Amino acid sequence: MSSETPAENIMPPDAPELGGKGKSCARQVGRQEEGTECLEPMSKRQRKKLLKQKQWEEQKDLRRQKRKEKRQKRKLERQSKSDTSNKGNDRKRMRREIVPSTLRLIVDCSFDDLMVPKLLAHGKAFCGGLSEGLCKNKLCCIQDVKKLHKQIQRCYAENRKAFHPVQFYLTSHGGQLKSNMNENDKGWVNWKDIQIRTEHYSELIQKEDLVYLTSDSPDILSELDEKKAYVIGGLVDHNHHKGITYKKAVEQGIGHAQLPLGNFVKMNSRKVLAVNHVFEIILAYLEKRDWKEAFFSVLPQRKGAVPLGETNDSSQHALSEKEDEDNDSDSN
């Protein structure tokens, strides 16, 4: 009796051997029998994609931690930048720290008719000594009143950022100065912390409180009295009207004095200073309470200023009196 071979073990003699995809399919069939779904073979690109997806999931917590650290770093950088800005240019912080002075500082603009256009031809002649027709033919003619306007702008700017700003007055405002300001600086009507008045200072301040600052006064100012009102002559005349502010103070019977420049400073040029220089020196003294420091923090280099008793640099002696007159808009 012959034994029968099981049907499932019978294979046709011409059946090909399993290889390549056939083996893969066989493995997939095996997995299917184990409960795994039979899938098509994956390409190299698909395997990389699955690997990246797996890595992305595994690194989720790490990415979250890095983002948190980055936010903290940016926050610290902003705080550091803010602290640096506050030390230098944070105007709001500075405005909170200021302590306004009760001292009144007046720029007297009543010399409007004495300031005439200056002729720059050859650097010698001035329009005041020329006919009107000749002056009009010169293209390089500029008005001293424009320099006064710039000096007043500087005074205003310095007072606004000072630690001890003064009570700033601009009196006898009108004429050429007002016209120039309307033409070149229309924003002056919006200036803050300043009184711009058409009246003379004698109409606004009591006589006994007034002190005219003039380099011709025999009285030397040793201390600033913050109850007083100090007057600066708003005149740019290049020394053509010597002594006019001192004469005005004497005639009006008001106090007068000069800054103690000669007690601390030796200069090659005149001791007459520009309006804004006098103004800035007053502001500096209110902050430092030291005349020497106040002078040397303000005086321009061209003045050749050195501490009294020291020798000056030889290069400063080359500055001529005429050059100083042309470059410095001085006030008596």
C-alpha atoms as a PDB file:
ATOM      1  CA  MET A   1       0.000   0.000   0.000  1.00  0.00           C
ATOM      2  CA  SER A   2       1.510   3.217  -1.128  1.00  0.00           C
ATOM      3  CA  SER A   3       1.562   6.250   1.090  1.00  0.00           C
ATOM      4  CA  GLU A   4       0.177   9.564  -0.259  1.00  0.00           C
ATOM      5  CA  THR A   5       2.183  12.738  -0.095  1.00  0.00           C
ATOM      6  CA  PRO A   6       0.340  15.756   1.477  1.00  0.00           C
ATOM      7  CA  ALA A   7      -0.945  18.136  -1.225  1.00  0.00           C
ATOM      8  CA  GLU A   8       0.581  21.199   0.414  1.00  0.00           C
ATOM      9  CA  ASN A   9       4.059  19.731   0.137  1.00  0.00           C
ATOM     10  CA  ILE A  10       3.735  18.938  -3.541  1.00  0.00           C
ATOM     11  CA  MET A  11       5.468  21.541  -5.745  1.00  0.00           C
ATOM     12  CA  PRO A  12       5.441  21.518  -9.492  1.00  0.00           C
ATOM     13  CA  PRO A  13       8.802  20.534 -10.875  1.00  0.00           C
ATOM     14  CA  ASP A  14       9.004  23.674 -13.048  1.00  0.00           C
ATOM     15  CA  ALA A  15       8.175  26.104 -10.228  1.00  0.00           C
ATOM     16  CA  PRO A  16      10.865  28.801  -9.818  1.00  0.00           C
ATOM     17  CA  GLU A  17      12.809  29.155  -6.610  1.00  0.00           C
ATOM     18  CA  LEU A  18      11.916  32.038  -4.334  1.00  0.00           C
ATOM     19  CA  GLY A  19      14.399  34.862  -4.510  1.00  0.00           C
ATOM     20  CA  GLY A  20      14.587  38.683  -4.430  1.00  0.00           C
ATOM     21  CA  LYS A  21      11.079  40.014  -4.080  1.00  0.00           C
ATOM     22  CA  GLY A  22       9.775  36.541  -3.565  1.00  0.00           C
ATOM     23  CA  LYS A  23      11.774  36.123  -0.382  1.00  0.00           C
ATOM     24  CA  SER A  24      10.646  39.530   0.831  1.00  0.00           C
ATOM     25  CA  CYS A  25       7.085  38.625   0.142  1.00  0.00           C
ATOM     26  CA  ALA A  26       7.553  35.369   1.971  1.00  0.00           C
ATOM     27  CA  ARG A  27       8.824  37.225   5.020  1.00  0.00           C
ATOM     28  CA  GLN A  28       5.915  39.602   4.836  1.00  0.00           C
ATOM     29  CA  VAL A  29       3.562  36.613   4.603  1.00  0.00           C
ATOM     30  CA  GLY A  30       5.219  35.238   7.717  1.00  0.00           C
ATOM     31  CA  ARG A  31       4.629  38.461   9.529  1.00  0.00           C
ATOM     32  CA  GLN A  32       1.061  38.520   8.352  1.00  0.00           C
ATOM     33  CA  GLU A  33       0.588  35.093   9.922  1.00  0.00           C
ATOM     34  CA  GLU A  34       1.949  36.602  13.156  1.00  0.00           C
ATOM     35  CA  GLY A  35      -0.586  39.423  13.043  1.00  0.00           C
ATOM     36  CA  THR A  36       1.465  42.023  11.154  1.00  0.00           C
ATOM     37  CA  GLU A  37      -0.014  43.675   8.062  1.00  0.00           C
ATOM     38  CA  CYS A  38       1.782  42.856   4.839  1.00  0.00           C
ATOM     39  CA  LEU A  39       3.271  46.074   3.392  1.00  0.00           C
ATOM     40  CA  GLU A  40       4.973  46.868   0.179  1.00  0.00           C
ATOM     41  CA  PRO A  41       8.805  47.038   0.426  1.00  0.00           C
ATOM     42  CA  MET A  42      10.054  50.511   1.573  1.00  0.00           C
ATOM     43  CA  SER A  43      12.465  52.558  -0.485  1.00  0.00           C
ATOM     44  CA  LYS A  44      15.610  54.121   0.980  1.00  0.00           C
ATOM     45  CA  ARG A  45      13.911  57.543   0.953  1.00  0.00           C
ATOM     46  CA  GLN A  46      10.957  56.230   2.926  1.00  0.00           C
ATOM     47  CA  ARG A  47      13.215  54.634   5.500  1.00  0.00           C
ATOM     48  CA  LYS A  48      15.093  57.950   5.951  1.00  0.00           C
ATOM     49  CA  LYS A  49      11.803  59.766   6.339  1.00  0.00           C
ATOM     50  CA  LEU A  50      10.615  57.353   9.007  1.00  0.00           C
ATOM     51  CA  LEU A  51      13.936  57.645  10.782  1.00  0.00           C
ATOM     52  CA  LYS A  52      13.734  61.432  10.815  1.00  0.00           C
ATOM     53  CA  GLN A  53      10.178  61.297  12.095  1.00  0.00           C
ATOM     54  CA  LYS A  54      11.270  59.012  14.911  1.00  0.00           C
ATOM     55  CA  GLN A  55      14.184  61.289  15.808  1.00  0.00           C
ATOM     56  CA  TRP A  56      11.857  64.342  15.717  1.00  0.00           C
ATOM     57  CA  GLU A  57       9.513  62.717  18.206  1.00  0.00           C
ATOM     58  CA  GLU A  58      12.349  61.631  20.456  1.00  0.00           C
ATOM     59  CA  GLN A  59      13.884  65.156  20.520  1.00  0.00           C
ATOM     60  CA  LYS A  60      10.651  67.036  21.211  1.00  0.00           C
ATOM     61  CA  ASP A  61      11.528  67.699  24.859  1.00  0.00           C
ATOM     62  CA  LEU A  62      15.042  68.799  23.930  1.00  0.00           C
ATOM     63  CA  ARG A  63      13.720  71.310  21.417  1.00  0.00           C
ATOM     64  CA  ARG A  64      11.281  72.692  23.970  1.00  0.00           C
ATOM     65  CA  GLN A  65      14.130  73.193  26.438  1.00  0.00           C
ATOM     66  CA  LYS A  66      16.272  74.963  23.828  1.00  0.00           C
ATOM     67  CA  ARG A  67      13.436  77.342  22.949  1.00  0.00           C
ATOM     68  CA  LYS A  68      12.994  78.204  26.596  1.00  0.00           C
ATOM     69  CA  GLU A  69      16.716  78.885  26.995  1.00  0.00           C
ATOM     70  CA  LYS A  70      16.700  81.067  23.877  1.00  0.00           C
ATOM     71  CA  ARG A  71      13.797  83.156  25.197  1.00  0.00           C
ATOM     72  CA  GLN A  72      15.580  83.663  28.508  1.00  0.00           C
ATOM     73  CA  LYS A  73      18.767  84.700  26.697  1.00  0.00           C
ATOM     74  CA  ARG A  74      16.908  87.292  24.608  1.00  0.00           C
ATOM     75  CA  LYS A  75      15.230  88.646  27.724  1.00  0.00           C
ATOM     76  CA  LEU A  76      18.589  89.074  29.469  1.00  0.00           C
ATOM     77  CA  GLU A  77      20.022  90.806  26.385  1.00  0.00           C
ATOM     78  CA  ARG A  78      17.120  93.254  26.292  1.00  0.00           C
ATOM     79  CA  GLN A  79      17.548  94.014  29.982  1.00  0.00           C
ATOM     80  CA  SER A  80      21.284  94.555  29.512  1.00  0.00           C
ATOM     81  CA  LYS A  81      20.707  96.844  26.539  1.00  0.00           C
ATOM     82  CA  SER A  82      18.091  98.798  28.468  1.00  0.00           C
ATOM     83  CA  ASP A  83      20.451  99.246  31.425  1.00  0.00           C
ATOM     84  CA  THR A  84      23.205 100.540  29.116  1.00  0.00           C
ATOM     85  CA  SER A  85      20.825 102.960  27.442  1.00  0.00           C
ATOM     86  CA  ASN A  86      19.626 104.226  30.804  1.00  0.00           C
ATOM     87  CA  LYS A  87      23.170 105.081  31.833  1.00  0.00           C
ATOM     88  CA  GLY A  88      23.725 107.201  28.745  1.00  0.00           C
ATOM     89  CA  ASN A  89      20.845 108.591  26.750  1.00  0.00           C
ATOM     90  CA  ASP A  90      17.668 107.720  28.627  1.00  0.00           C
ATOM     91  CA  ARG A  91      16.137 111.173  28.713  1.00  0.00           C
ATOM     92  CA  LYS A  92      13.145 110.068  30.800  1.00  0.00           C
ATOM     93  CA  ARG A  93      15.407 108.786  33.550  1.00  0.00           C
ATOM     94  CA  MET A  94      17.453 111.979  33.437  1.00  0.00           C
ATOM     95  CA  ARG A  95      14.324 114.141  33.595  1.00  0.00           C
ATOM     96  CA  ARG A  96      13.241 112.279  36.726  1.00  0.00           C
ATOM     97  CA  GLU A  97      16.574 112.967  38.386  1.00  0.00           C
ATOM     98  CA  ILE A  98      16.804 116.690  37.633  1.00  0.00           C
ATOM     99  CA  VAL A  99      16.540 119.280  40.375  1.00  0.00           C
ATOM    100  CA  PRO A 100      15.516 122.615  38.829  1.00  0.00           C
ATOM    101  CA  SER A 101      17.351 125.677  40.086  1.00  0.00           C
ATOM    102  CA  THR A 102      15.509 128.787  41.203  1.00  0.00           C
ATOM    103  CA  LEU A 103      18.224 130.908  39.580  1.00  0.00           C
ATOM    104  CA  ARG A 104      16.915 133.033  36.717  1.00  0.00           C
ATOM    105  CA  LEU A 105      19.101 133.468  33.654  1.00  0.00           C
ATOM    106  CA  ILE A 106      18.123 136.151  31.161  1.00  0.00           C
ATOM    107  CA  VAL A 107      19.369 136.733  27.625  1.00  0.00           C
ATOM    108  CA  ASP A 108      18.850 140.440  26.943  1.00  0.00           C
ATOM    109  CA  CYS A 109      17.913 140.850  23.254  1.00  0.00           C
ATOM    110  CA  SER A 110      17.588 144.625  23.310  1.00  0.00           C
ATOM    111  CA  PHE A 111      20.684 145.167  21.109  1.00  0.00           C
ATOM    112  CA  ASP A 112      18.961 144.266  17.863  1.00  0.00           C
ATOM    113  CA  ASP A 113      19.710 147.591  16.189  1.00  0.00           C
ATOM    114  CA  LEU A 114      23.454 147.307  16.942  1.00  0.00           C
ATOM    115  CA  MET A 115      23.957 144.028  15.081  1.00  0.00           C
ATOM    116  CA  VAL A 116      24.620 144.602  11.413  1.00  0.00           C
ATOM    117  CA  PRO A 117      25.569 142.261   8.575  1.00  0.00           C
ATOM    118  CA  LYS A 118      29.261 141.343   8.533  1.00  0.00           C
ATOM    119  CA  LEU A 119      31.078 141.486   5.208  1.00  0.00           C
ATOM    120  CA  LEU A 120      33.412 138.542   4.772  1.00  0.00           C
ATOM    121  CA  ALA A 121      35.176 139.805   1.643  1.00  0.00           C
ATOM    122  CA  HIS A 122      38.932 139.388   2.311  1.00  0.00           C
ATOM    123  CA  GLY A 123      38.020 138.899   5.984  1.00  0.00           C
ATOM    124  CA  LYS A 124      38.496 142.594   6.826  1.00  0.00           C
ATOM    125  CA  ALA A 125      35.627 144.931   6.028  1.00  0.00           C
ATOM    126  CA  PHE A 126      32.268 145.117   7.789  1.00  0.00           C
ATOM    127  CA  CYS A 127      28.967 146.301   6.348  1.00  0.00           C
ATOM    128  CA  GLY A 128      28.602 148.840   9.103  1.00  0.00           C
ATOM    129  CA  GLY A 129      31.234 150.968   7.398  1.00  0.00           C
ATOM    130  CA  LEU A 130      29.934 150.487   3.861  1.00  0.00           C
ATOM    131  CA  SER A 131      27.110 151.955   1.867  1.00  0.00           C
ATOM    132  CA  GLU A 132      23.930 149.912   1.558  1.00  0.00           C
ATOM    133  CA  GLY A 133      24.431 149.559  -2.183  1.00  0.00           C
ATOM    134  CA  LEU A 134      27.939 148.128  -1.818  1.00  0.00           C
ATOM    135  CA  CYS A 135      26.752 145.693   0.847  1.00  0.00           C
ATOM    136  CA  LYS A 136      24.019 144.339  -1.414  1.00  0.00           C
ATOM    137  CA  ASN A 137      26.557 143.600  -4.134  1.00  0.00           C
ATOM    138  CA  LYS A 138      28.524 141.236  -1.864  1.00  0.00           C
ATOM    139  CA  LEU A 139      27.326 137.636  -1.894  1.00  0.00           C
ATOM    140  CA  CYS A 140      29.219 136.625   1.278  1.00  0.00           C
ATOM    141  CA  CYS A 141      27.334 138.888   3.669  1.00  0.00           C
ATOM    142  CA  ILE A 142      25.854 137.230   6.770  1.00  0.00           C
ATOM    143  CA  GLN A 143      24.052 138.702   9.747  1.00  0.00           C
ATOM    144  CA  ASP A 144      25.385 138.542  13.283  1.00  0.00           C
ATOM    145  CA  VAL A 145      21.813 138.108  14.440  1.00  0.00           C
ATOM    146  CA  LYS A 146      21.865 134.625  12.877  1.00  0.00           C
ATOM    147  CA  LYS A 147      24.790 133.732  15.130  1.00  0.00           C
ATOM    148  CA  LEU A 148      22.881 135.027  18.138  1.00  0.00           C
ATOM    149  CA  HIS A 149      19.949 132.835  17.129  1.00  0.00           C
ATOM    150  CA  LYS A 150      22.225 129.768  17.022  1.00  0.00           C
ATOM    151  CA  GLN A 151      23.668 130.639  20.429  1.00  0.00           C
ATOM    152  CA  ILE A 152      20.165 130.915  21.892  1.00  0.00           C
ATOM    153  CA  GLN A 153      19.275 127.537  20.378  1.00  0.00           C
ATOM    154  CA  ARG A 154      22.341 126.071  22.091  1.00  0.00           C
ATOM    155  CA  CYS A 155      21.355 127.652  25.422  1.00  0.00           C
ATOM    156  CA  TYR A 156      17.857 126.202  25.148  1.00  0.00           C
ATOM    157  CA  ALA A 157      19.135 122.705  24.285  1.00  0.00           C
ATOM    158  CA  GLU A 158      21.705 122.670  27.111  1.00  0.00           C
ATOM    159  CA  ASN A 159      19.182 123.892  29.667  1.00  0.00           C
ATOM    160  CA  ARG A 160      16.685 121.194  28.655  1.00  0.00           C
ATOM    161  CA  LYS A 161      19.166 118.401  29.391  1.00  0.00           C
ATOM    162  CA  ALA A 162      20.880 119.959  32.411  1.00  0.00           C
ATOM    163  CA  PHE A 163      20.671 118.317  35.834  1.00  0.00           C
ATOM    164  CA  HIS A 164      19.930 121.712  37.385  1.00  0.00           C
ATOM    165  CA  PRO A 165      18.106 123.731  34.686  1.00  0.00           C
ATOM    166  CA  VAL A 166      17.695 127.443  35.304  1.00  0.00           C
ATOM    167  CA  GLN A 167      14.619 129.617  34.857  1.00  0.00           C
ATOM    168  CA  PHE A 168      15.368 130.735  31.294  1.00  0.00           C
ATOM    169  CA  TYR A 169      14.165 134.132  30.034  1.00  0.00           C
ATOM    170  CA  LEU A 170      14.485 135.690  26.592  1.00  0.00           C
ATOM    171  CA  THR A 171      13.556 139.359  26.897  1.00  0.00           C
ATOM    172  CA  SER A 172      13.071 142.234  24.410  1.00  0.00           C
ATOM    173  CA  HIS A 173      12.358 139.587  21.783  1.00  0.00           C
ATOM    174  CA  GLY A 174      11.521 141.042  18.401  1.00  0.00           C
ATOM    175  CA  GLY A 175      13.048 142.762  15.360  1.00  0.00           C
ATOM    176  CA  GLN A 176      15.695 140.928  13.334  1.00  0.00           C
ATOM    177  CA  LEU A 177      16.031 138.111  15.831  1.00  0.00           C
ATOM    178  CA  LYS A 178      12.340 137.212  15.783  1.00  0.00           C
ATOM    179  CA  SER A 179      12.243 137.449  11.989  1.00  0.00           C
ATOM    180  CA  ASN A 180      15.237 135.137  11.697  1.00  0.00           C
ATOM    181  CA  MET A 181      13.710 132.648  14.109  1.00  0.00           C
ATOM    182  CA  ASN A 182      10.417 132.665  12.205  1.00  0.00           C
ATOM    183  CA  GLU A 183      12.277 132.028   8.984  1.00  0.00           C
ATOM    184  CA  ASN A 184      14.749 129.364  10.107  1.00  0.00           C
ATOM    185  CA  ASP A 185      13.279 127.807  13.249  1.00  0.00           C
ATOM    186  CA  LYS A 186       9.489 127.982  13.285  1.00  0.00           C
ATOM    187  CA  GLY A 187       9.391 125.429  16.075  1.00  0.00           C
ATOM    188  CA  TRP A 188      10.601 128.013  18.605  1.00  0.00           C
ATOM    189  CA  VAL A 189       6.976 128.873  19.395  1.00  0.00           C
ATOM    190  CA  ASN A 190       6.662 125.386  20.931  1.00  0.00           C
ATOM    191  CA  TRP A 191       9.765 125.623  23.129  1.00  0.00           C
ATOM    192  CA  LYS A 192       9.203 124.477  26.708  1.00  0.00           C
ATOM    193  CA  ASP A 193      10.658 125.664  30.016  1.00  0.00           C
ATOM    194  CA  ILE A 194      11.488 129.119  28.662  1.00  0.00           C
ATOM    195  CA  GLN A 195       9.825 132.516  28.858  1.00  0.00           C
ATOM    196  CA  ILE A 196      10.123 134.424  25.590  1.00  0.00           C
ATOM    197  CA  ARG A 197       8.919 137.939  26.239  1.00  0.00           C
ATOM    198  CA  THR A 198       8.758 141.151  24.258  1.00  0.00           C
ATOM    199  CA  GLU A 199       9.124 143.181  27.474  1.00  0.00           C
ATOM    200  CA  HIS A 200      12.435 144.456  28.794  1.00  0.00           C
ATOM    201  CA  TYR A 201      13.806 142.468  31.748  1.00  0.00           C
ATOM    202  CA  SER A 202      13.349 145.506  34.010  1.00  0.00           C
ATOM    203  CA  GLU A 203       9.590 145.148  33.533  1.00  0.00           C
ATOM    204  CA  LEU A 204       9.637 141.496  34.615  1.00  0.00           C
ATOM    205  CA  ILE A 205      12.211 141.292  37.418  1.00  0.00           C
ATOM    206  CA  GLN A 206      12.637 143.443  40.499  1.00  0.00           C
ATOM    207  CA  LYS A 207      15.594 145.800  40.240  1.00  0.00           C
ATOM    208  CA  GLU A 208      17.310 144.535  43.395  1.00  0.00           C
ATOM    209  CA  ASP A 209      17.345 140.964  42.010  1.00  0.00           C
ATOM    210  CA  LEU A 210      19.125 141.837  38.759  1.00  0.00           C
ATOM    211  CA  VAL A 211      22.857 141.224  38.165  1.00  0.00           C
ATOM    212  CA  TYR A 212      24.291 142.002  34.734  1.00  0.00           C
ATOM    213  CA  LEU A 213      27.154 139.686  33.737  1.00  0.00           C
ATOM    214  CA  THR A 214      29.741 141.770  31.927  1.00  0.00           C
ATOM    215  CA  SER A 215      33.497 141.319  31.472  1.00  0.00           C
ATOM    216  CA  ASP A 216      34.021 145.044  32.101  1.00  0.00           C
ATOM    217  CA  SER A 217      32.644 144.973  35.645  1.00  0.00           C
ATOM    218  CA  PRO A 218      35.192 145.478  38.437  1.00  0.00           C
ATOM    219  CA  ASP A 219      33.227 143.071  40.629  1.00  0.00           C
ATOM    220  CA  ILE A 220      34.211 139.407  40.522  1.00  0.00           C
ATOM    221  CA  LEU A 221      31.472 136.831  40.966  1.00  0.00           C
ATOM    222  CA  SER A 222      32.560 134.269  43.568  1.00  0.00           C
ATOM    223  CA  GLU A 223      29.269 132.474  44.188  1.00  0.00           C
ATOM    224  CA  LEU A 224      25.942 132.243  42.417  1.00  0.00           C
ATOM    225  CA  ASP A 225      22.951 133.449  44.378  1.00  0.00           C
ATOM    226  CA  GLU A 226      20.015 131.354  43.178  1.00  0.00           C
ATOM    227  CA  LYS A 227      17.608 134.032  44.358  1.00  0.00           C
ATOM    228  CA  LYS A 228      19.058 136.452  41.805  1.00  0.00           C
ATOM    229  CA  ALA A 229      18.366 136.972  38.102  1.00  0.00           C
ATOM    230  CA  TYR A 230      21.580 137.099  36.044  1.00  0.00           C
ATOM    231  CA  VAL A 231      21.513 138.929  32.717  1.00  0.00           C
ATOM    232  CA  ILE A 232      23.617 138.003  29.669  1.00  0.00           C
ATOM    233  CA  GLY A 233      23.923 140.590  26.926  1.00  0.00           C
ATOM    234  CA  GLY A 234      22.525 139.144  23.689  1.00  0.00           C
ATOM    235  CA  LEU A 235      24.958 140.975  21.446  1.00  0.00           C
ATOM    236  CA  VAL A 236      27.257 139.668  18.718  1.00  0.00           C
ATOM    237  CA  ASP A 237      29.291 142.711  17.726  1.00  0.00           C
ATOM    238  CA  HIS A 238      32.891 141.409  17.408  1.00  0.00           C
ATOM    239  CA  ASN A 239      34.091 143.844  20.046  1.00  0.00           C
ATOM    240  CA  HIS A 240      32.780 146.934  18.221  1.00  0.00           C
ATOM    241  CA  HIS A 241      30.799 148.117  21.239  1.00  0.00           C
ATOM    242  CA  LYS A 242      33.197 147.592  24.119  1.00  0.00           C
ATOM    243  CA  GLY A 243      31.770 148.198  27.565  1.00  0.00           C
ATOM    244  CA  ILE A 244      28.197 148.691  26.382  1.00  0.00           C
ATOM    245  CA  THR A 245      26.666 146.131  28.769  1.00  0.00           C
ATOM    246  CA  TYR A 246      28.589 147.483  31.760  1.00  0.00           C
ATOM    247  CA  LYS A 247      27.528 151.010  30.849  1.00  0.00           C
ATOM    248  CA  LYS A 248      23.919 149.849  30.564  1.00  0.00           C
ATOM    249  CA  ALA A 249      23.989 148.210  34.008  1.00  0.00           C
ATOM    250  CA  VAL A 250      25.459 151.355  35.618  1.00  0.00           C
ATOM    251  CA  GLU A 251      22.916 153.624  33.944  1.00  0.00           C
ATOM    252  CA  GLN A 252      20.047 151.431  35.095  1.00  0.00           C
ATOM    253  CA  GLY A 253      21.436 151.225  38.617  1.00  0.00           C
ATOM    254  CA  ILE A 254      21.420 147.422  38.742  1.00  0.00           C
ATOM    255  CA  GLY A 255      24.057 145.027  40.027  1.00  0.00           C
ATOM    256  CA  HIS A 256      26.861 143.844  37.763  1.00  0.00           C
ATOM    257  CA  ALA A 257      29.717 141.349  37.934  1.00  0.00           C
ATOM    258  CA  GLN A 258      32.047 139.283  35.789  1.00  0.00           C
ATOM    259  CA  LEU A 259      32.699 135.554  35.990  1.00  0.00           C
ATOM    260  CA  PRO A 260      35.906 134.700  37.916  1.00  0.00           C
ATOM    261  CA  LEU A 261      37.612 133.634  34.700  1.00  0.00           C
ATOM    262  CA  GLY A 262      40.912 135.374  35.490  1.00  0.00           C
ATOM    263  CA  ASN A 263      41.201 133.547  38.832  1.00  0.00           C
ATOM    264  CA  PHE A 264      41.379 130.125  37.206  1.00  0.00           C
ATOM    265  CA  VAL A 265      42.105 130.436  33.499  1.00  0.00           C
ATOM    266  CA  LYS A 266      44.807 131.898  31.278  1.00  0.00           C
ATOM    267  CA  MET A 267      43.753 132.523  27.681  1.00  0.00           C
ATOM    268  CA  ASN A 268      45.475 133.738  24.538  1.00  0.00           C
ATOM    269  CA  SER A 269      42.369 135.524  23.330  1.00  0.00           C
ATOM    270  CA  ARG A 270      39.909 137.958  24.833  1.00  0.00           C
ATOM    271  CA  LYS A 271      38.079 137.125  28.034  1.00  0.00           C
ATOM    272  CA  VAL A 272      34.757 138.072  26.419  1.00  0.00           C
ATOM    273  CA  LEU A 273      32.679 134.933  25.918  1.00  0.00           C
ATOM    274  CA  ALA A 274      29.819 134.003  23.623  1.00  0.00           C
ATOM    275  CA  VAL A 275      26.278 134.034  25.007  1.00  0.00           C
ATOM    276  CA  ASN A 276      26.012 130.235  25.030  1.00  0.00           C
ATOM    277  CA  HIS A 277      29.443 129.860  26.695  1.00  0.00           C
ATOM    278  CA  VAL A 278      28.379 132.051  29.619  1.00  0.00           C
ATOM    279  CA  PHE A 279      25.077 130.183  29.831  1.00  0.00           C
ATOM    280  CA  GLU A 280      26.745 126.747  29.783  1.00  0.00           C
ATOM    281  CA  ILE A 281      29.330 127.778  32.389  1.00  0.00           C
ATOM    282  CA  ILE A 282      26.517 128.795  34.747  1.00  0.00           C
ATOM    283  CA  LEU A 283      24.824 125.415  34.209  1.00  0.00           C
ATOM    284  CA  ALA A 284      28.113 123.571  34.740  1.00  0.00           C
ATOM    285  CA  TYR A 285      28.816 125.453  37.976  1.00  0.00           C
ATOM    286  CA  LEU A 286      25.352 124.633  39.337  1.00  0.00           C
ATOM    287  CA  GLU A 287      26.145 120.964  38.772  1.00  0.00           C
ATOM    288  CA  LYS A 288      29.826 120.831  39.785  1.00  0.00           C
ATOM    289  CA  ARG A 289      30.017 123.722  42.270  1.00  0.00           C
ATOM    290  CA  ASP A 290      33.554 124.321  41.042  1.00  0.00           C
ATOM    291  CA  TRP A 291      34.424 127.276  38.806  1.00  0.00           C
ATOM    292  CA  LYS A 292      37.588 125.729  37.414  1.00  0.00           C
ATOM    293  CA  GLU A 293      35.824 122.548  36.335  1.00  0.00           C
ATOM    294  CA  ALA A 294      32.950 124.588  34.926  1.00  0.00           C
ATOM    295  CA  PHE A 295      35.257 126.751  32.804  1.00  0.00           C
ATOM    296  CA  PHE A 296      37.309 123.916  31.349  1.00  0.00           C
ATOM    297  CA  SER A 297      34.260 121.803  30.575  1.00  0.00           C
ATOM    298  CA  VAL A 298      32.847 124.580  28.386  1.00  0.00           C
ATOM    299  CA  LEU A 299      35.581 126.821  26.950  1.00  0.00           C
ATOM    300  CA  PRO A 300      36.356 126.039  23.283  1.00  0.00           C
ATOM    301  CA  GLN A 301      39.847 124.848  22.419  1.00  0.00           C
ATOM    302  CA  ARG A 302      40.480 127.794  20.118  1.00  0.00           C
ATOM    303  CA  LYS A 303      40.458 130.062  23.177  1.00  0.00           C
ATOM    304  CA  GLY A 304      43.765 128.463  24.190  1.00  0.00           C
ATOM    305  CA  ALA A 305      42.620 128.189  27.793  1.00  0.00           C
ATOM    306  CA  VAL A 306      44.983 126.612  30.335  1.00  0.00           C
ATOM    307  CA  PRO A 307      44.883 126.543  34.138  1.00  0.00           C
ATOM    308  CA  LEU A 308      46.390 129.679  35.650  1.00  0.00           C
ATOM    309  CA  GLY A 309      50.124 129.221  36.232  1.00  0.00           C
ATOM    310  CA  GLU A 310      50.635 126.637  33.490  1.00  0.00           C
ATOM    311  CA  THR A 311      52.299 127.352  30.162  1.00  0.00           C
ATOM    312  CA  ASN A 312      50.204 127.165  27.046  1.00  0.00           C
ATOM    313  CA  ASP A 313      50.865 125.005  24.016  1.00  0.00           C
ATOM    314  CA  SER A 314      52.852 126.861  21.377  1.00  0.00           C
ATOM    315  CA  SER A 315      50.359 125.954  18.691  1.00  0.00           C
ATOM    316  CA  GLN A 316      47.675 127.927  20.488  1.00  0.00           C
ATOM    317  CA  HIS A 317      49.750 131.117  20.204  1.00  0.00           C
ATOM    318  CA  ALA A 318      49.337 130.992  16.439  1.00  0.00           C
ATOM    319  CA  LEU A 319      45.702 131.983  16.844  1.00  0.00           C
ATOM    320  CA  SER A 320      45.357 135.598  15.769  1.00  0.00           C
ATOM    321  CA  GLU A 321      42.971 138.071  17.314  1.00  0.00           C
ATOM    322  CA  LYS A 322      41.277 138.479  13.970  1.00  0.00           C
ATOM    323  CA  GLU A 323      40.671 134.745  13.600  1.00  0.00           C
ATOM    324  CA  ASP A 324      39.135 134.706  17.055  1.00  0.00           C
ATOM    325  CA  GLU A 325      36.799 137.547  16.125  1.00  0.00           C
ATOM    326  CA  ASP A 326      35.670 135.817  12.934  1.00  0.00           C
ATOM    327  CA  ASN A 327      35.074 132.419  14.520  1.00  0.00           C
ATOM    328  CA  ASP A 328      33.656 133.377  17.923  1.00  0.00           C
ATOM    329  CA  SER A 329      30.346 135.155  18.261  1.00  0.00           C
ATOM    330  CA  ASP A 330      31.068 136.941  21.494  1.00  0.00           C
ATOM    331  CA  SER A 331      28.846 138.741  23.937  1.00  0.00           C
ATOM    332  CA  ASN A 332      29.978 141.611  26.169  1.00  0.00           C
END
